[in-house]
Full PDB file with SEQRES, HELIX, SHEET, SSBOND, CRYST1, ORIGX, SCALE, CONECT and MASTER records, all heavy atoms in Angstrom:
SEQRES   1 A   30  ARG THR SER ARG GLY ILE ALA GLU LYS ILE THR ALA THR          
SEQRES   2 A   30  GLY PRO LEU TRP VAL LYS GLU ALA ALA THR ASN GLY SER          
SEQRES   3 A   30  ASN ARG VAL SER                                              
HELIX    1 AA1 SER A    3  GLU A    8  1                                   6    
HELIX    2 AA2 PRO A   15  THR A   23  1                                   9    
CRYST1    1.000    1.000    1.000  90.00  90.00  90.00 P 1           1          
ORIGX1      1.000000  0.000000  0.000000        0.00000                         
ORIGX2      0.000000  1.000000  0.000000        0.00000                         
ORIGX3      0.000000  0.000000  1.000000        0.00000                         
SCALE1      1.000000  0.000000  0.000000        0.00000                         
SCALE2      0.000000  1.000000  0.000000        0.00000                         
SCALE3      0.000000  0.000000  1.000000        0.00000                         
ATOM      1  N   ARG A   1       0.801  -1.219  -0.016  1.00  0.00           N  
ATOM      2  CA  ARG A   1       0.004  -0.025   0.030  1.00  0.00           C  
ATOM      3  C   ARG A   1       0.846   1.289   0.016  1.00  0.00           C  
ATOM      4  O   ARG A   1       0.378   2.305  -0.406  1.00  0.00           O  
ATOM      5  CB  ARG A   1      -0.923   0.005   1.198  1.00  0.00           C  
ATOM      6  CG  ARG A   1      -0.272   0.033   2.504  1.00  0.00           C  
ATOM      7  CD  ARG A   1      -1.299   0.007   3.618  1.00  0.00           C  
ATOM      8  NE  ARG A   1      -0.689  -0.096   4.920  1.00  0.00           N  
ATOM      9  CZ  ARG A   1      -0.126   0.875   5.594  1.00  0.00           C  
ATOM     10  NH1 ARG A   1      -0.154   2.075   5.093  1.00  0.00           N  
ATOM     11  NH2 ARG A   1       0.424   0.668   6.737  1.00  0.00           N  
ATOM     12  N   THR A   2       2.104   1.212   0.462  1.00  0.00           N  
ATOM     13  CA  THR A   2       2.867   2.404   0.496  1.00  0.00           C  
ATOM     14  C   THR A   2       3.940   2.495  -0.567  1.00  0.00           C  
ATOM     15  O   THR A   2       4.631   3.494  -0.635  1.00  0.00           O  
ATOM     16  CB  THR A   2       3.572   2.513   1.885  1.00  0.00           C  
ATOM     17  OG1 THR A   2       4.371   1.383   2.081  1.00  0.00           O  
ATOM     18  CG2 THR A   2       2.599   2.665   2.999  1.00  0.00           C  
ATOM     19  N   SER A   3       4.124   1.507  -1.356  1.00  0.00           N  
ATOM     20  CA  SER A   3       5.213   1.444  -2.343  1.00  0.00           C  
ATOM     21  C   SER A   3       5.169   2.602  -3.272  1.00  0.00           C  
ATOM     22  O   SER A   3       6.192   3.193  -3.622  1.00  0.00           O  
ATOM     23  CB  SER A   3       5.205   0.155  -3.159  1.00  0.00           C  
ATOM     24  OG  SER A   3       5.516  -0.909  -2.305  1.00  0.00           O  
ATOM     25  N   ARG A   4       3.998   3.040  -3.765  1.00  0.00           N  
ATOM     26  CA  ARG A   4       3.927   4.120  -4.684  1.00  0.00           C  
ATOM     27  C   ARG A   4       4.404   5.425  -4.066  1.00  0.00           C  
ATOM     28  O   ARG A   4       5.221   6.170  -4.620  1.00  0.00           O  
ATOM     29  CB  ARG A   4       2.480   4.276  -5.201  1.00  0.00           C  
ATOM     30  CG  ARG A   4       2.436   5.164  -6.447  1.00  0.00           C  
ATOM     31  CD  ARG A   4       1.078   5.304  -7.017  1.00  0.00           C  
ATOM     32  NE  ARG A   4       0.725   6.703  -6.799  1.00  0.00           N  
ATOM     33  CZ  ARG A   4      -0.392   7.113  -6.216  1.00  0.00           C  
ATOM     34  NH1 ARG A   4      -1.251   6.293  -5.759  1.00  0.00           N  
ATOM     35  NH2 ARG A   4      -0.605   8.412  -6.033  1.00  0.00           N  
ATOM     36  N   GLY A   5       4.018   5.636  -2.847  1.00  0.00           N  
ATOM     37  CA  GLY A   5       4.433   6.848  -2.084  1.00  0.00           C  
ATOM     38  C   GLY A   5       5.890   6.843  -1.864  1.00  0.00           C  
ATOM     39  O   GLY A   5       6.591   7.891  -1.899  1.00  0.00           O  
ATOM     40  N   ILE A   6       6.476   5.690  -1.536  1.00  0.00           N  
ATOM     41  CA  ILE A   6       7.906   5.551  -1.347  1.00  0.00           C  
ATOM     42  C   ILE A   6       8.682   5.886  -2.606  1.00  0.00           C  
ATOM     43  O   ILE A   6       9.560   6.729  -2.613  1.00  0.00           O  
ATOM     44  CB  ILE A   6       8.318   4.162  -0.852  1.00  0.00           C  
ATOM     45  CG1 ILE A   6       7.727   3.939   0.526  1.00  0.00           C  
ATOM     46  CG2 ILE A   6       9.801   3.959  -0.838  1.00  0.00           C  
ATOM     47  CD1 ILE A   6       7.782   2.474   0.999  1.00  0.00           C  
ATOM     48  N   ALA A   7       8.369   5.249  -3.669  1.00  0.00           N  
ATOM     49  CA  ALA A   7       9.080   5.344  -4.900  1.00  0.00           C  
ATOM     50  C   ALA A   7       8.922   6.775  -5.571  1.00  0.00           C  
ATOM     51  O   ALA A   7       9.765   7.162  -6.279  1.00  0.00           O  
ATOM     52  CB  ALA A   7       8.704   4.298  -5.862  1.00  0.00           C  
ATOM     53  N   GLU A   8       7.877   7.501  -5.261  1.00  0.00           N  
ATOM     54  CA  GLU A   8       7.681   8.784  -5.853  1.00  0.00           C  
ATOM     55  C   GLU A   8       8.755   9.758  -5.404  1.00  0.00           C  
ATOM     56  O   GLU A   8       9.090  10.679  -6.121  1.00  0.00           O  
ATOM     57  CB  GLU A   8       6.328   9.381  -5.438  1.00  0.00           C  
ATOM     58  CG  GLU A   8       5.207   8.751  -6.193  1.00  0.00           C  
ATOM     59  CD  GLU A   8       3.843   9.210  -5.684  1.00  0.00           C  
ATOM     60  OE1 GLU A   8       3.801  10.072  -4.730  1.00  0.00           O  
ATOM     61  OE2 GLU A   8       2.824   8.814  -6.249  1.00  0.00           O  
ATOM     62  N   LYS A   9       9.324   9.549  -4.239  1.00  0.00           N  
ATOM     63  CA  LYS A   9      10.294  10.473  -3.709  1.00  0.00           C  
ATOM     64  C   LYS A   9      11.719  10.021  -3.838  1.00  0.00           C  
ATOM     65  O   LYS A   9      12.638  10.799  -3.559  1.00  0.00           O  
ATOM     66  CB  LYS A   9      10.021  10.655  -2.200  1.00  0.00           C  
ATOM     67  CG  LYS A   9       8.673  11.156  -1.890  1.00  0.00           C  
ATOM     68  CD  LYS A   9       8.379  12.479  -2.524  1.00  0.00           C  
ATOM     69  CE  LYS A   9       6.958  12.940  -2.165  1.00  0.00           C  
ATOM     70  NZ  LYS A   9       6.627  14.161  -2.799  1.00  0.00           N  
ATOM     71  N   ILE A  10      11.991   8.849  -4.355  1.00  0.00           N  
ATOM     72  CA  ILE A  10      13.347   8.334  -4.518  1.00  0.00           C  
ATOM     73  C   ILE A  10      13.790   8.654  -5.923  1.00  0.00           C  
ATOM     74  O   ILE A  10      13.220   8.248  -6.903  1.00  0.00           O  
ATOM     75  CB  ILE A  10      13.412   6.810  -4.280  1.00  0.00           C  
ATOM     76  CG1 ILE A  10      12.933   6.490  -2.885  1.00  0.00           C  
ATOM     77  CG2 ILE A  10      14.800   6.295  -4.555  1.00  0.00           C  
ATOM     78  CD1 ILE A  10      12.904   5.002  -2.614  1.00  0.00           C  
ATOM     79  N   THR A  11      14.949   9.365  -6.041  1.00  0.00           N  
ATOM     80  CA  THR A  11      15.522   9.605  -7.387  1.00  0.00           C  
ATOM     81  C   THR A  11      17.048   9.551  -7.288  1.00  0.00           C  
ATOM     82  O   THR A  11      17.561   9.721  -6.250  1.00  0.00           O  
ATOM     83  CB  THR A  11      15.124  11.046  -7.833  1.00  0.00           C  
ATOM     84  OG1 THR A  11      15.607  12.002  -6.919  1.00  0.00           O  
ATOM     85  CG2 THR A  11      13.641  11.152  -8.066  1.00  0.00           C  
ATOM     86  N   ALA A  12      17.638   9.185  -8.384  1.00  0.00           N  
ATOM     87  CA  ALA A  12      19.081   9.159  -8.519  1.00  0.00           C  
ATOM     88  C   ALA A  12      19.434  10.110  -9.644  1.00  0.00           C  
ATOM     89  O   ALA A  12      18.748  10.123 -10.660  1.00  0.00           O  
ATOM     90  CB  ALA A  12      19.544   7.773  -8.708  1.00  0.00           C  
ATOM     91  N   THR A  13      20.529  10.829  -9.518  1.00  0.00           N  
ATOM     92  CA  THR A  13      20.925  11.724 -10.600  1.00  0.00           C  
ATOM     93  C   THR A  13      21.678  10.962 -11.662  1.00  0.00           C  
ATOM     94  O   THR A  13      22.214   9.873 -11.384  1.00  0.00           O  
ATOM     95  CB  THR A  13      21.781  12.836 -10.041  1.00  0.00           C  
ATOM     96  OG1 THR A  13      22.917  12.266  -9.383  1.00  0.00           O  
ATOM     97  CG2 THR A  13      20.998  13.688  -9.042  1.00  0.00           C  
ATOM     98  N   GLY A  14      21.804  11.534 -12.789  1.00  0.00           N  
ATOM     99  CA  GLY A  14      22.564  10.945 -13.900  1.00  0.00           C  
ATOM    100  C   GLY A  14      21.711  10.367 -14.927  1.00  0.00           C  
ATOM    101  O   GLY A  14      20.845   9.577 -14.651  1.00  0.00           O  
ATOM    102  N   PRO A  15      21.890  10.776 -16.179  1.00  0.00           N  
ATOM    103  CA  PRO A  15      21.034  10.319 -17.278  1.00  0.00           C  
ATOM    104  C   PRO A  15      21.071   8.817 -17.526  1.00  0.00           C  
ATOM    105  O   PRO A  15      20.063   8.289 -17.866  1.00  0.00           O  
ATOM    106  CB  PRO A  15      21.560  11.116 -18.512  1.00  0.00           C  
ATOM    107  CG  PRO A  15      22.933  11.566 -18.109  1.00  0.00           C  
ATOM    108  CD  PRO A  15      22.929  11.679 -16.644  1.00  0.00           C  
ATOM    109  N   LEU A  16      22.260   8.195 -17.253  1.00  0.00           N  
ATOM    110  CA  LEU A  16      22.265   6.716 -17.433  1.00  0.00           C  
ATOM    111  C   LEU A  16      21.289   5.983 -16.635  1.00  0.00           C  
ATOM    112  O   LEU A  16      20.557   5.148 -17.081  1.00  0.00           O  
ATOM    113  CB  LEU A  16      23.708   6.201 -17.233  1.00  0.00           C  
ATOM    114  CG  LEU A  16      23.878   4.710 -17.379  1.00  0.00           C  
ATOM    115  CD1 LEU A  16      23.648   4.263 -18.848  1.00  0.00           C  
ATOM    116  CD2 LEU A  16      25.250   4.275 -16.969  1.00  0.00           C  
ATOM    117  N   TRP A  17      21.250   6.349 -15.343  1.00  0.00           N  
ATOM    118  CA  TRP A  17      20.342   5.579 -14.450  1.00  0.00           C  
ATOM    119  C   TRP A  17      18.910   5.839 -14.781  1.00  0.00           C  
ATOM    120  O   TRP A  17      18.074   4.983 -14.762  1.00  0.00           O  
ATOM    121  CB  TRP A  17      20.572   5.987 -12.981  1.00  0.00           C  
ATOM    122  CG  TRP A  17      21.999   5.672 -12.549  1.00  0.00           C  
ATOM    123  CD1 TRP A  17      22.916   6.551 -12.172  1.00  0.00           C  
ATOM    124  CD2 TRP A  17      22.648   4.426 -12.520  1.00  0.00           C  
ATOM    125  NE1 TRP A  17      24.112   5.906 -11.883  1.00  0.00           N  
ATOM    126  CE2 TRP A  17      23.926   4.604 -12.111  1.00  0.00           C  
ATOM    127  CE3 TRP A  17      22.185   3.120 -12.862  1.00  0.00           C  
ATOM    128  CZ2 TRP A  17      24.856   3.546 -11.957  1.00  0.00           C  
ATOM    129  CZ3 TRP A  17      23.076   2.052 -12.718  1.00  0.00           C  
ATOM    130  CH2 TRP A  17      24.381   2.275 -12.265  1.00  0.00           C  
ATOM    131  N   VAL A  18      18.519   7.080 -15.157  1.00  0.00           N  
ATOM    132  CA  VAL A  18      17.159   7.374 -15.533  1.00  0.00           C  
ATOM    133  C   VAL A  18      16.827   6.605 -16.801  1.00  0.00           C  
ATOM    134  O   VAL A  18      15.767   6.050 -16.859  1.00  0.00           O  
ATOM    135  CB  VAL A  18      17.018   8.907 -15.731  1.00  0.00           C  
ATOM    136  CG1 VAL A  18      15.628   9.227 -16.275  1.00  0.00           C  
ATOM    137  CG2 VAL A  18      17.246   9.625 -14.387  1.00  0.00           C  
ATOM    138  N   LYS A  19      17.685   6.568 -17.761  1.00  0.00           N  
ATOM    139  CA  LYS A  19      17.465   5.885 -19.026  1.00  0.00           C  
ATOM    140  C   LYS A  19      17.350   4.350 -18.762  1.00  0.00           C  
ATOM    141  O   LYS A  19      16.440   3.744 -19.273  1.00  0.00           O  
ATOM    142  CB  LYS A  19      18.614   6.147 -19.986  1.00  0.00           C  
ATOM    143  CG  LYS A  19      18.229   5.972 -21.409  1.00  0.00           C  
ATOM    144  CD  LYS A  19      19.402   6.259 -22.345  1.00  0.00           C  
ATOM    145  CE  LYS A  19      20.013   7.563 -22.116  1.00  0.00           C  
ATOM    146  NZ  LYS A  19      21.151   7.873 -23.000  1.00  0.00           N  
ATOM    147  N   GLU A  20      18.256   3.817 -17.986  1.00  0.00           N  
ATOM    148  CA  GLU A  20      18.178   2.374 -17.633  1.00  0.00           C  
ATOM    149  C   GLU A  20      16.906   2.047 -16.948  1.00  0.00           C  
ATOM    150  O   GLU A  20      16.290   1.010 -17.172  1.00  0.00           O  
ATOM    151  CB  GLU A  20      19.360   1.973 -16.741  1.00  0.00           C  
ATOM    152  CG  GLU A  20      20.688   1.828 -17.461  1.00  0.00           C  
ATOM    153  CD  GLU A  20      20.772   0.659 -18.327  1.00  0.00           C  
ATOM    154  OE1 GLU A  20      19.955  -0.277 -18.228  1.00  0.00           O  
ATOM    155  OE2 GLU A  20      21.662   0.610 -19.210  1.00  0.00           O  
ATOM    156  N   ALA A  21      16.551   2.856 -15.941  1.00  0.00           N  
ATOM    157  CA  ALA A  21      15.305   2.591 -15.173  1.00  0.00           C  
ATOM    158  C   ALA A  21      14.078   2.633 -16.097  1.00  0.00           C  
ATOM    159  O   ALA A  21      13.207   1.788 -15.946  1.00  0.00           O  
ATOM    160  CB  ALA A  21      15.176   3.569 -14.063  1.00  0.00           C  
ATOM    161  N   ALA A  22      14.049   3.612 -17.011  1.00  0.00           N  
ATOM    162  CA  ALA A  22      12.879   3.659 -17.900  1.00  0.00           C  
ATOM    163  C   ALA A  22      12.759   2.454 -18.800  1.00  0.00           C  
ATOM    164  O   ALA A  22      11.673   1.933 -18.994  1.00  0.00           O  
ATOM    165  CB  ALA A  22      12.987   4.916 -18.757  1.00  0.00           C  
ATOM    166  N   THR A  23      13.901   1.912 -19.262  1.00  0.00           N  
ATOM    167  CA  THR A  23      13.830   0.679 -20.058  1.00  0.00           C  
ATOM    168  C   THR A  23      13.504  -0.550 -19.271  1.00  0.00           C  
ATOM    169  O   THR A  23      13.001  -1.482 -19.760  1.00  0.00           O  
ATOM    170  CB  THR A  23      15.145   0.448 -20.817  1.00  0.00           C  
ATOM    171  OG1 THR A  23      16.197   0.244 -19.901  1.00  0.00           O  
ATOM    172  CG2 THR A  23      15.471   1.576 -21.758  1.00  0.00           C  
ATOM    173  N   ASN A  24      13.706  -0.464 -17.948  1.00  0.00           N  
ATOM    174  CA  ASN A  24      13.439  -1.580 -17.112  1.00  0.00           C  
ATOM    175  C   ASN A  24      12.039  -1.525 -16.452  1.00  0.00           C  
ATOM    176  O   ASN A  24      11.743  -2.269 -15.608  1.00  0.00           O  
ATOM    177  CB  ASN A  24      14.476  -1.634 -15.984  1.00  0.00           C  
ATOM    178  CG  ASN A  24      15.834  -1.955 -16.511  1.00  0.00           C  
ATOM    179  OD1 ASN A  24      15.945  -2.501 -17.587  1.00  0.00           O  
ATOM    180  ND2 ASN A  24      16.876  -1.561 -15.847  1.00  0.00           N  
ATOM    181  N   GLY A  25      11.220  -0.516 -16.804  1.00  0.00           N  
ATOM    182  CA  GLY A  25       9.893  -0.447 -16.262  1.00  0.00           C  
ATOM    183  C   GLY A  25       9.793   0.396 -15.027  1.00  0.00           C  
ATOM    184  O   GLY A  25       8.745   0.379 -14.366  1.00  0.00           O  
ATOM    185  N   SER A  26      10.804   1.112 -14.644  1.00  0.00           N  
ATOM    186  CA  SER A  26      10.750   1.866 -13.453  1.00  0.00           C  
ATOM    187  C   SER A  26      11.237   3.333 -13.725  1.00  0.00           C  
ATOM    188  O   SER A  26      12.169   3.526 -14.477  1.00  0.00           O  
ATOM    189  CB  SER A  26      11.702   1.301 -12.365  1.00  0.00           C  
ATOM    190  OG  SER A  26      11.768   2.130 -11.260  1.00  0.00           O  
ATOM    191  N   ASN A  27      10.534   4.332 -13.202  1.00  0.00           N  
ATOM    192  CA  ASN A  27      10.947   5.714 -13.396  1.00  0.00           C  
ATOM    193  C   ASN A  27      11.431   6.345 -12.135  1.00  0.00           C  
ATOM    194  O   ASN A  27      11.818   7.499 -12.131  1.00  0.00           O  
ATOM    195  CB  ASN A  27       9.812   6.543 -14.010  1.00  0.00           C  
ATOM    196  CG  ASN A  27       8.595   6.546 -13.056  1.00  0.00           C  
ATOM    197  OD1 ASN A  27       8.584   5.924 -12.056  1.00  0.00           O  
ATOM    198  ND2 ASN A  27       7.551   7.292 -13.479  1.00  0.00           N  
ATOM    199  N   ARG A  28      11.537   5.683 -11.028  1.00  0.00           N  
ATOM    200  CA  ARG A  28      12.109   6.179  -9.768  1.00  0.00           C  
ATOM    201  C   ARG A  28      13.184   5.216  -9.333  1.00  0.00           C  
ATOM    202  O   ARG A  28      12.893   4.029  -9.052  1.00  0.00           O  
ATOM    203  CB  ARG A  28      10.998   6.265  -8.729  1.00  0.00           C  
ATOM    204  CG  ARG A  28       9.783   7.076  -9.126  1.00  0.00           C  
ATOM    205  CD  ARG A  28      10.059   8.583  -9.036  1.00  0.00           C  
ATOM    206  NE  ARG A  28       8.788   9.314  -9.114  1.00  0.00           N  
ATOM    207  CZ  ARG A  28       8.495  10.047 -10.135  1.00  0.00           C  
ATOM    208  NH1 ARG A  28       9.298  10.192 -11.171  1.00  0.00           N  
ATOM    209  NH2 ARG A  28       7.364  10.702 -10.129  1.00  0.00           N  
ATOM    210  N   VAL A  29      14.393   5.722  -9.198  1.00  0.00           N  
ATOM    211  CA  VAL A  29      15.471   4.840  -8.751  1.00  0.00           C  
ATOM    212  C   VAL A  29      16.314   5.543  -7.682  1.00  0.00           C  
ATOM    213  O   VAL A  29      16.307   6.774  -7.545  1.00  0.00           O  
ATOM    214  CB  VAL A  29      16.372   4.448  -9.939  1.00  0.00           C  
ATOM    215  CG1 VAL A  29      15.658   3.556 -10.897  1.00  0.00           C  
ATOM    216  CG2 VAL A  29      16.943   5.676 -10.631  1.00  0.00           C  
ATOM    217  N   SER A  30      17.083   4.742  -6.924  1.00  0.00           N  
ATOM    218  CA  SER A  30      18.044   5.225  -5.952  1.00  0.00           C  
ATOM    219  C   SER A  30      19.040   4.167  -5.680  1.00  0.00           C  
ATOM    220  O   SER A  30      18.772   2.989  -5.833  1.00  0.00           O  
ATOM    221  CB  SER A  30      17.349   5.609  -4.640  1.00  0.00           C  
ATOM    222  OG  SER A  30      18.248   6.080  -3.720  1.00  0.00           O  
TER     223      SER A  30                                                      
MASTER        0    0    0    2    0    0    0    6  222    1    0    3          
END                                                                             
């Protein structure tokens, strides 16, 4: 029930991680 709220606030900088996460089905990474 809380996973969405948790992941909304977790981010990592750097275009590679954002790009990798997007291809892996996730848009919030840390």
